[in-house]
Amino acid sequence: MKRLLFFIVLYVFHVYCMAQRYDGTRLYDFGLADSKELSHTLSIAIPCLLIGFVICWFTMCRKPNEKQDSVVSCIGCGGCLTMAIGFFFLLPLLAYVELIGMTLFYIVVIVLAIWGICVWIKDKL
């Protein structure tokens, strides 16, 4: 139990030291996108991802033909680029993912700190 408490304290100390080197600006500090912006980016991103995936799928599932290999590889590359454009338009959602992830991380750290203090107090008594 002492070893686990030691590792928890060491991990929290490590996170604290890393946070001191960080300049403090997070992605969501620049502002979260509102619903209109998110719906606009999703209306572009989802079709791009689907179209790119379908192009890549049909490129991979075709029967090999040596005459059409260069044309098909160009079409497959276009599918990958279409998917990359779709992922680019999903970046505003990354701010929400970061906000949720950091909130959950801090909740876990606080719960572990309270648990560690309770274990430490019970060991002392």
N, C-alpha and C. Protein backbone atom coordinates (compact mmCIF):
# COMPACT_ATOMS: atom_id res chain seq x y z
N MET A 1 0.82 -1.19 0.00
CA MET A 1 0.00 0.00 0.00
C MET A 1 0.88 1.26 0.00
N LYS A 2 1.98 1.20 0.74
CA LYS A 2 2.87 2.36 0.77
C LYS A 2 3.53 2.57 -0.59
N ARG A 3 3.82 1.46 -1.27
CA ARG A 3 4.43 1.57 -2.60
C ARG A 3 3.46 2.22 -3.58
N LEU A 4 2.19 1.84 -3.54
CA LEU A 4 1.19 2.44 -4.41
C LEU A 4 1.02 3.92 -4.11
N LEU A 5 0.97 4.27 -2.84
CA LEU A 5 0.85 5.68 -2.45
C LEU A 5 2.07 6.46 -2.92
N PHE A 6 3.26 5.85 -2.81
CA PHE A 6 4.48 6.50 -3.28
C PHE A 6 4.43 6.78 -4.77
N PHE A 7 3.97 5.79 -5.56
CA PHE A 7 3.89 5.99 -7.00
C PHE A 7 2.85 7.05 -7.36
N ILE A 8 1.75 7.09 -6.64
CA ILE A 8 0.74 8.12 -6.91
C ILE A 8 1.30 9.50 -6.63
N VAL A 9 1.98 9.66 -5.48
CA VAL A 9 2.57 10.95 -5.15
C VAL A 9 3.64 11.32 -6.17
N LEU A 10 4.44 10.35 -6.56
CA LEU A 10 5.48 10.61 -7.56
C LEU A 10 4.87 11.04 -8.90
N TYR A 11 3.78 10.38 -9.31
CA TYR A 11 3.12 10.74 -10.55
C TYR A 11 2.52 12.14 -10.49
N VAL A 12 1.85 12.46 -9.39
CA VAL A 12 1.25 13.79 -9.25
C VAL A 12 2.35 14.85 -9.24
N PHE A 13 3.47 14.57 -8.58
CA PHE A 13 4.59 15.52 -8.57
C PHE A 13 5.14 15.71 -9.98
N HIS A 14 5.24 14.62 -10.74
CA HIS A 14 5.72 14.70 -12.11
C HIS A 14 4.77 15.56 -12.96
N VAL A 15 3.48 15.34 -12.82
CA VAL A 15 2.51 16.13 -13.58
C VAL A 15 2.60 17.60 -13.18
N TYR A 16 2.78 17.86 -11.90
CA TYR A 16 2.90 19.24 -11.43
C TYR A 16 4.14 19.90 -12.03
N CYS A 17 5.26 19.18 -12.07
CA CYS A 17 6.47 19.75 -12.64
C CYS A 17 6.31 20.00 -14.14
N MET A 18 5.64 19.09 -14.83
CA MET A 18 5.40 19.30 -16.26
C MET A 18 4.49 20.51 -16.48
N ALA A 19 3.52 20.69 -15.61
CA ALA A 19 2.61 21.81 -15.76
C ALA A 19 3.31 23.13 -15.51
N GLN A 20 4.36 23.15 -14.71
CA GLN A 20 5.09 24.39 -14.46
C GLN A 20 5.86 24.83 -15.69
N ARG A 21 6.28 23.89 -16.52
CA ARG A 21 6.99 24.25 -17.75
C ARG A 21 6.06 24.67 -18.87
N TYR A 22 4.80 24.36 -18.74
CA TYR A 22 3.81 24.68 -19.77
C TYR A 22 3.39 26.13 -19.62
N ASP A 23 3.20 26.83 -20.73
CA ASP A 23 2.90 28.26 -20.66
C ASP A 23 1.46 28.57 -20.26
N GLY A 24 0.62 27.56 -20.18
CA GLY A 24 -0.71 27.75 -19.63
C GLY A 24 -1.81 27.98 -20.65
N THR A 25 -1.47 28.19 -21.90
CA THR A 25 -2.54 28.39 -22.87
C THR A 25 -2.95 27.04 -23.44
N ARG A 26 -4.18 26.75 -23.32
CA ARG A 26 -4.73 25.52 -23.86
C ARG A 26 -5.55 25.86 -25.09
N LEU A 27 -5.90 24.84 -25.82
CA LEU A 27 -6.65 25.05 -27.05
C LEU A 27 -8.00 25.68 -26.77
N TYR A 28 -8.64 25.27 -25.68
CA TYR A 28 -9.94 25.83 -25.37
C TYR A 28 -9.84 27.22 -24.75
N ASP A 29 -8.63 27.67 -24.40
CA ASP A 29 -8.47 29.05 -23.92
C ASP A 29 -8.65 30.05 -25.06
N PHE A 30 -8.45 29.62 -26.28
CA PHE A 30 -8.64 30.49 -27.42
C PHE A 30 -10.12 30.66 -27.77
N GLY A 31 -10.95 29.87 -27.15
CA GLY A 31 -12.38 29.96 -27.37
C GLY A 31 -12.91 28.70 -28.03
N LEU A 32 -14.03 28.24 -27.51
CA LEU A 32 -14.67 27.07 -28.09
C LEU A 32 -15.59 27.50 -29.22
N ALA A 33 -15.70 26.66 -30.22
CA ALA A 33 -16.57 26.97 -31.35
C ALA A 33 -18.03 26.85 -30.91
N ASP A 34 -18.85 27.73 -31.45
CA ASP A 34 -20.27 27.64 -31.10
C ASP A 34 -20.96 26.60 -31.98
N SER A 35 -22.24 26.42 -31.76
CA SER A 35 -22.95 25.34 -32.46
C SER A 35 -23.04 25.58 -33.96
N LYS A 36 -23.11 26.83 -34.36
CA LYS A 36 -23.19 27.12 -35.80
C LYS A 36 -21.88 26.75 -36.50
N GLU A 37 -20.76 27.09 -35.88
CA GLU A 37 -19.47 26.74 -36.47
C GLU A 37 -19.26 25.22 -36.49
N LEU A 38 -19.65 24.56 -35.39
CA LEU A 38 -19.49 23.11 -35.34
C LEU A 38 -20.36 22.41 -36.37
N SER A 39 -21.58 22.86 -36.53
CA SER A 39 -22.45 22.23 -37.53
C SER A 39 -21.91 22.46 -38.94
N HIS A 40 -21.32 23.63 -39.18
CA HIS A 40 -20.74 23.92 -40.50
C HIS A 40 -19.54 23.01 -40.76
N THR A 41 -18.66 22.87 -39.77
CA THR A 41 -17.48 22.03 -39.98
C THR A 41 -17.87 20.55 -40.09
N LEU A 42 -18.87 20.13 -39.32
CA LEU A 42 -19.31 18.74 -39.43
C LEU A 42 -19.99 18.46 -40.76
N SER A 43 -20.70 19.46 -41.29
CA SER A 43 -21.34 19.26 -42.59
C SER A 43 -20.32 19.12 -43.72
N ILE A 44 -19.12 19.61 -43.50
CA ILE A 44 -18.05 19.44 -44.49
C ILE A 44 -17.24 18.18 -44.19
N ALA A 45 -16.95 17.95 -42.92
CA ALA A 45 -16.03 16.87 -42.54
C ALA A 45 -16.62 15.49 -42.76
N ILE A 46 -17.86 15.28 -42.37
CA ILE A 46 -18.44 13.94 -42.47
C ILE A 46 -18.57 13.47 -43.92
N PRO A 47 -19.07 14.30 -44.85
CA PRO A 47 -19.07 13.83 -46.25
C PRO A 47 -17.68 13.59 -46.82
N CYS A 48 -16.72 14.44 -46.45
CA CYS A 48 -15.35 14.23 -46.94
C CYS A 48 -14.79 12.91 -46.42
N LEU A 49 -15.02 12.62 -45.15
CA LEU A 49 -14.53 11.36 -44.60
C LEU A 49 -15.20 10.16 -45.26
N LEU A 50 -16.51 10.24 -45.46
CA LEU A 50 -17.22 9.12 -46.08
C LEU A 50 -16.79 8.92 -47.52
N ILE A 51 -16.70 9.98 -48.29
CA ILE A 51 -16.29 9.88 -49.69
C ILE A 51 -14.86 9.34 -49.79
N GLY A 52 -13.96 9.86 -48.95
CA GLY A 52 -12.58 9.37 -48.95
C GLY A 52 -12.48 7.91 -48.56
N PHE A 53 -13.28 7.51 -47.57
CA PHE A 53 -13.26 6.11 -47.15
C PHE A 53 -13.79 5.20 -48.26
N VAL A 54 -14.86 5.61 -48.92
CA VAL A 54 -15.42 4.80 -50.01
C VAL A 54 -14.43 4.68 -51.16
N ILE A 55 -13.77 5.77 -51.50
CA ILE A 55 -12.77 5.72 -52.58
C ILE A 55 -11.63 4.78 -52.21
N CYS A 56 -11.14 4.91 -50.99
CA CYS A 56 -10.06 4.02 -50.55
C CYS A 56 -10.51 2.57 -50.49
N TRP A 57 -11.75 2.35 -50.06
CA TRP A 57 -12.27 0.98 -49.96
C TRP A 57 -12.34 0.33 -51.34
N PHE A 58 -12.89 1.05 -52.32
CA PHE A 58 -12.99 0.47 -53.66
C PHE A 58 -11.63 0.32 -54.32
N THR A 59 -10.70 1.16 -53.96
CA THR A 59 -9.35 1.03 -54.50
C THR A 59 -8.67 -0.21 -53.94
N MET A 60 -8.90 -0.51 -52.68
CA MET A 60 -8.26 -1.66 -52.05
C MET A 60 -8.93 -2.97 -52.46
N CYS A 61 -10.23 -2.95 -52.74
CA CYS A 61 -10.98 -4.19 -53.02
C CYS A 61 -10.97 -4.58 -54.49
N ARG A 62 -10.34 -3.85 -55.32
CA ARG A 62 -10.38 -4.19 -56.75
C ARG A 62 -9.40 -5.32 -57.05
N LYS A 63 -9.61 -5.96 -58.20
CA LYS A 63 -8.71 -7.02 -58.64
C LYS A 63 -7.48 -6.37 -59.27
N PRO A 64 -6.30 -6.91 -59.00
CA PRO A 64 -5.08 -6.29 -59.54
C PRO A 64 -5.03 -6.35 -61.07
N ASN A 65 -4.67 -5.24 -61.66
CA ASN A 65 -4.51 -5.15 -63.10
C ASN A 65 -3.30 -4.25 -63.33
N GLU A 66 -2.31 -4.75 -64.01
CA GLU A 66 -1.06 -4.02 -64.16
C GLU A 66 -1.22 -2.75 -64.99
N LYS A 67 -2.15 -2.74 -65.93
CA LYS A 67 -2.32 -1.57 -66.79
C LYS A 67 -2.91 -0.38 -66.03
N GLN A 68 -3.72 -0.64 -65.03
CA GLN A 68 -4.43 0.44 -64.35
C GLN A 68 -3.83 0.76 -62.98
N ASP A 69 -2.67 0.20 -62.64
CA ASP A 69 -2.11 0.41 -61.30
C ASP A 69 -1.80 1.88 -61.01
N SER A 70 -1.24 2.61 -61.97
CA SER A 70 -0.89 4.01 -61.71
C SER A 70 -2.14 4.87 -61.58
N VAL A 71 -3.16 4.61 -62.39
CA VAL A 71 -4.40 5.39 -62.31
C VAL A 71 -5.11 5.11 -61.00
N VAL A 72 -5.18 3.84 -60.62
CA VAL A 72 -5.87 3.46 -59.39
C VAL A 72 -5.13 3.97 -58.17
N SER A 73 -3.80 3.98 -58.19
CA SER A 73 -3.05 4.51 -57.05
C SER A 73 -3.26 6.01 -56.91
N CYS A 74 -3.41 6.71 -58.03
CA CYS A 74 -3.72 8.14 -57.96
C CYS A 74 -5.12 8.37 -57.39
N ILE A 75 -6.06 7.54 -57.77
CA ILE A 75 -7.42 7.64 -57.23
C ILE A 75 -7.40 7.34 -55.73
N GLY A 76 -6.65 6.33 -55.32
CA GLY A 76 -6.52 6.00 -53.90
C GLY A 76 -5.87 7.12 -53.11
N CYS A 77 -4.88 7.78 -53.72
CA CYS A 77 -4.24 8.92 -53.07
C CYS A 77 -5.23 10.06 -52.92
N GLY A 78 -6.08 10.24 -53.92
CA GLY A 78 -7.13 11.26 -53.82
C GLY A 78 -8.11 10.97 -52.69
N GLY A 79 -8.41 9.68 -52.49
CA GLY A 79 -9.27 9.30 -51.38
C GLY A 79 -8.63 9.60 -50.04
N CYS A 80 -7.34 9.33 -49.93
CA CYS A 80 -6.62 9.65 -48.68
C CYS A 80 -6.57 11.15 -48.45
N LEU A 81 -6.37 11.93 -49.49
CA LEU A 81 -6.36 13.38 -49.34
C LEU A 81 -7.74 13.91 -48.95
N THR A 82 -8.79 13.32 -49.50
CA THR A 82 -10.14 13.71 -49.12
C THR A 82 -10.40 13.41 -47.65
N MET A 83 -9.91 12.27 -47.17
CA MET A 83 -10.05 11.95 -45.75
C MET A 83 -9.24 12.91 -44.89
N ALA A 84 -8.07 13.32 -45.35
CA ALA A 84 -7.25 14.27 -44.60
C ALA A 84 -7.95 15.62 -44.49
N ILE A 85 -8.62 16.04 -45.56
CA ILE A 85 -9.39 17.28 -45.51
C ILE A 85 -10.52 17.16 -44.50
N GLY A 86 -11.17 16.00 -44.47
CA GLY A 86 -12.23 15.77 -43.49
C GLY A 86 -11.71 15.83 -42.07
N PHE A 87 -10.54 15.23 -41.82
CA PHE A 87 -9.95 15.29 -40.48
C PHE A 87 -9.57 16.72 -40.11
N PHE A 88 -9.11 17.50 -41.09
CA PHE A 88 -8.77 18.89 -40.82
C PHE A 88 -9.99 19.68 -40.35
N PHE A 89 -11.14 19.41 -40.96
CA PHE A 89 -12.34 20.13 -40.56
C PHE A 89 -12.90 19.64 -39.22
N LEU A 90 -12.40 18.52 -38.70
CA LEU A 90 -12.80 18.06 -37.38
C LEU A 90 -11.98 18.69 -36.26
N LEU A 91 -11.00 19.51 -36.58
CA LEU A 91 -10.14 20.11 -35.56
C LEU A 91 -10.88 20.98 -34.53
N PRO A 92 -11.95 21.70 -34.87
CA PRO A 92 -12.65 22.45 -33.81
C PRO A 92 -13.21 21.56 -32.71
N LEU A 93 -13.50 20.30 -33.04
CA LEU A 93 -13.96 19.38 -32.01
C LEU A 93 -12.84 18.99 -31.06
N LEU A 94 -11.59 19.16 -31.50
CA LEU A 94 -10.45 18.82 -30.66
C LEU A 94 -10.41 19.67 -29.40
N ALA A 95 -10.85 20.90 -29.48
CA ALA A 95 -10.89 21.76 -28.29
C ALA A 95 -11.85 21.19 -27.25
N TYR A 96 -12.99 20.69 -27.69
CA TYR A 96 -13.94 20.08 -26.76
C TYR A 96 -13.38 18.78 -26.18
N VAL A 97 -12.70 17.99 -26.99
CA VAL A 97 -12.10 16.75 -26.51
C VAL A 97 -11.03 17.05 -25.46
N GLU A 98 -10.22 18.09 -25.71
CA GLU A 98 -9.19 18.46 -24.75
C GLU A 98 -9.81 18.96 -23.45
N LEU A 99 -10.85 19.75 -23.54
CA LEU A 99 -11.52 20.26 -22.35
C LEU A 99 -12.09 19.12 -21.52
N ILE A 100 -12.76 18.18 -22.16
CA ILE A 100 -13.34 17.04 -21.44
C ILE A 100 -12.23 16.16 -20.86
N GLY A 101 -11.18 15.92 -21.63
CA GLY A 101 -10.08 15.10 -21.15
C GLY A 101 -9.37 15.70 -19.95
N MET A 102 -9.09 16.98 -19.99
CA MET A 102 -8.43 17.63 -18.86
C MET A 102 -9.32 17.68 -17.64
N THR A 103 -10.62 17.87 -17.83
CA THR A 103 -11.54 17.88 -16.70
C THR A 103 -11.57 16.51 -16.04
N LEU A 104 -11.66 15.45 -16.83
CA LEU A 104 -11.66 14.10 -16.27
C LEU A 104 -10.33 13.77 -15.58
N PHE A 105 -9.23 14.24 -16.15
CA PHE A 105 -7.92 14.00 -15.55
C PHE A 105 -7.83 14.67 -14.18
N TYR A 106 -8.28 15.91 -14.08
CA TYR A 106 -8.21 16.60 -12.79
C TYR A 106 -9.15 15.97 -11.76
N ILE A 107 -10.29 15.47 -12.20
CA ILE A 107 -11.19 14.78 -11.27
C ILE A 107 -10.51 13.52 -10.74
N VAL A 108 -9.86 12.76 -11.61
CA VAL A 108 -9.17 11.55 -11.18
C VAL A 108 -8.03 11.89 -10.23
N VAL A 109 -7.28 12.94 -10.51
CA VAL A 109 -6.18 13.34 -9.62
C VAL A 109 -6.71 13.73 -8.25
N ILE A 110 -7.80 14.48 -8.20
CA ILE A 110 -8.36 14.88 -6.91
C ILE A 110 -8.88 13.68 -6.14
N VAL A 111 -9.57 12.76 -6.82
CA VAL A 111 -10.08 11.56 -6.15
C VAL A 111 -8.92 10.71 -5.63
N LEU A 112 -7.86 10.56 -6.42
CA LEU A 112 -6.70 9.78 -5.96
C LEU A 112 -6.01 10.46 -4.79
N ALA A 113 -5.93 11.78 -4.79
CA ALA A 113 -5.33 12.50 -3.68
C ALA A 113 -6.15 12.31 -2.41
N ILE A 114 -7.46 12.40 -2.50
CA ILE A 114 -8.32 12.19 -1.33
C ILE A 114 -8.21 10.75 -0.84
N TRP A 115 -8.19 9.81 -1.76
CA TRP A 115 -8.04 8.41 -1.39
C TRP A 115 -6.69 8.16 -0.72
N GLY A 116 -5.63 8.74 -1.26
CA GLY A 116 -4.31 8.59 -0.65
C GLY A 116 -4.24 9.18 0.74
N ILE A 117 -4.86 10.32 0.94
CA ILE A 117 -4.88 10.94 2.27
C ILE A 117 -5.66 10.07 3.24
N CYS A 118 -6.78 9.52 2.81
CA CYS A 118 -7.58 8.63 3.67
C CYS A 118 -6.79 7.39 4.05
N VAL A 119 -6.09 6.79 3.09
CA VAL A 119 -5.28 5.61 3.38
C VAL A 119 -4.16 5.96 4.34
N TRP A 120 -3.53 7.10 4.13
CA TRP A 120 -2.44 7.53 4.99
C TRP A 120 -2.92 7.77 6.41
N ILE A 121 -4.10 8.40 6.55
CA ILE A 121 -4.65 8.64 7.89
C ILE A 121 -5.03 7.33 8.56
N LYS A 122 -5.61 6.38 7.83
CA LYS A 122 -5.98 5.08 8.42
C LYS A 122 -4.75 4.30 8.85
N ASP A 123 -3.64 4.42 8.09
CA ASP A 123 -2.40 3.74 8.48
C ASP A 123 -1.82 4.36 9.74
N LYS A 124 -1.97 5.65 9.93
CA LYS A 124 -1.44 6.34 11.11
C LYS A 124 -2.25 5.99 12.35
N LEU A 125 -3.56 5.72 12.20
CA LEU A 125 -4.40 5.40 13.34
C LEU A 125 -4.31 3.95 13.61
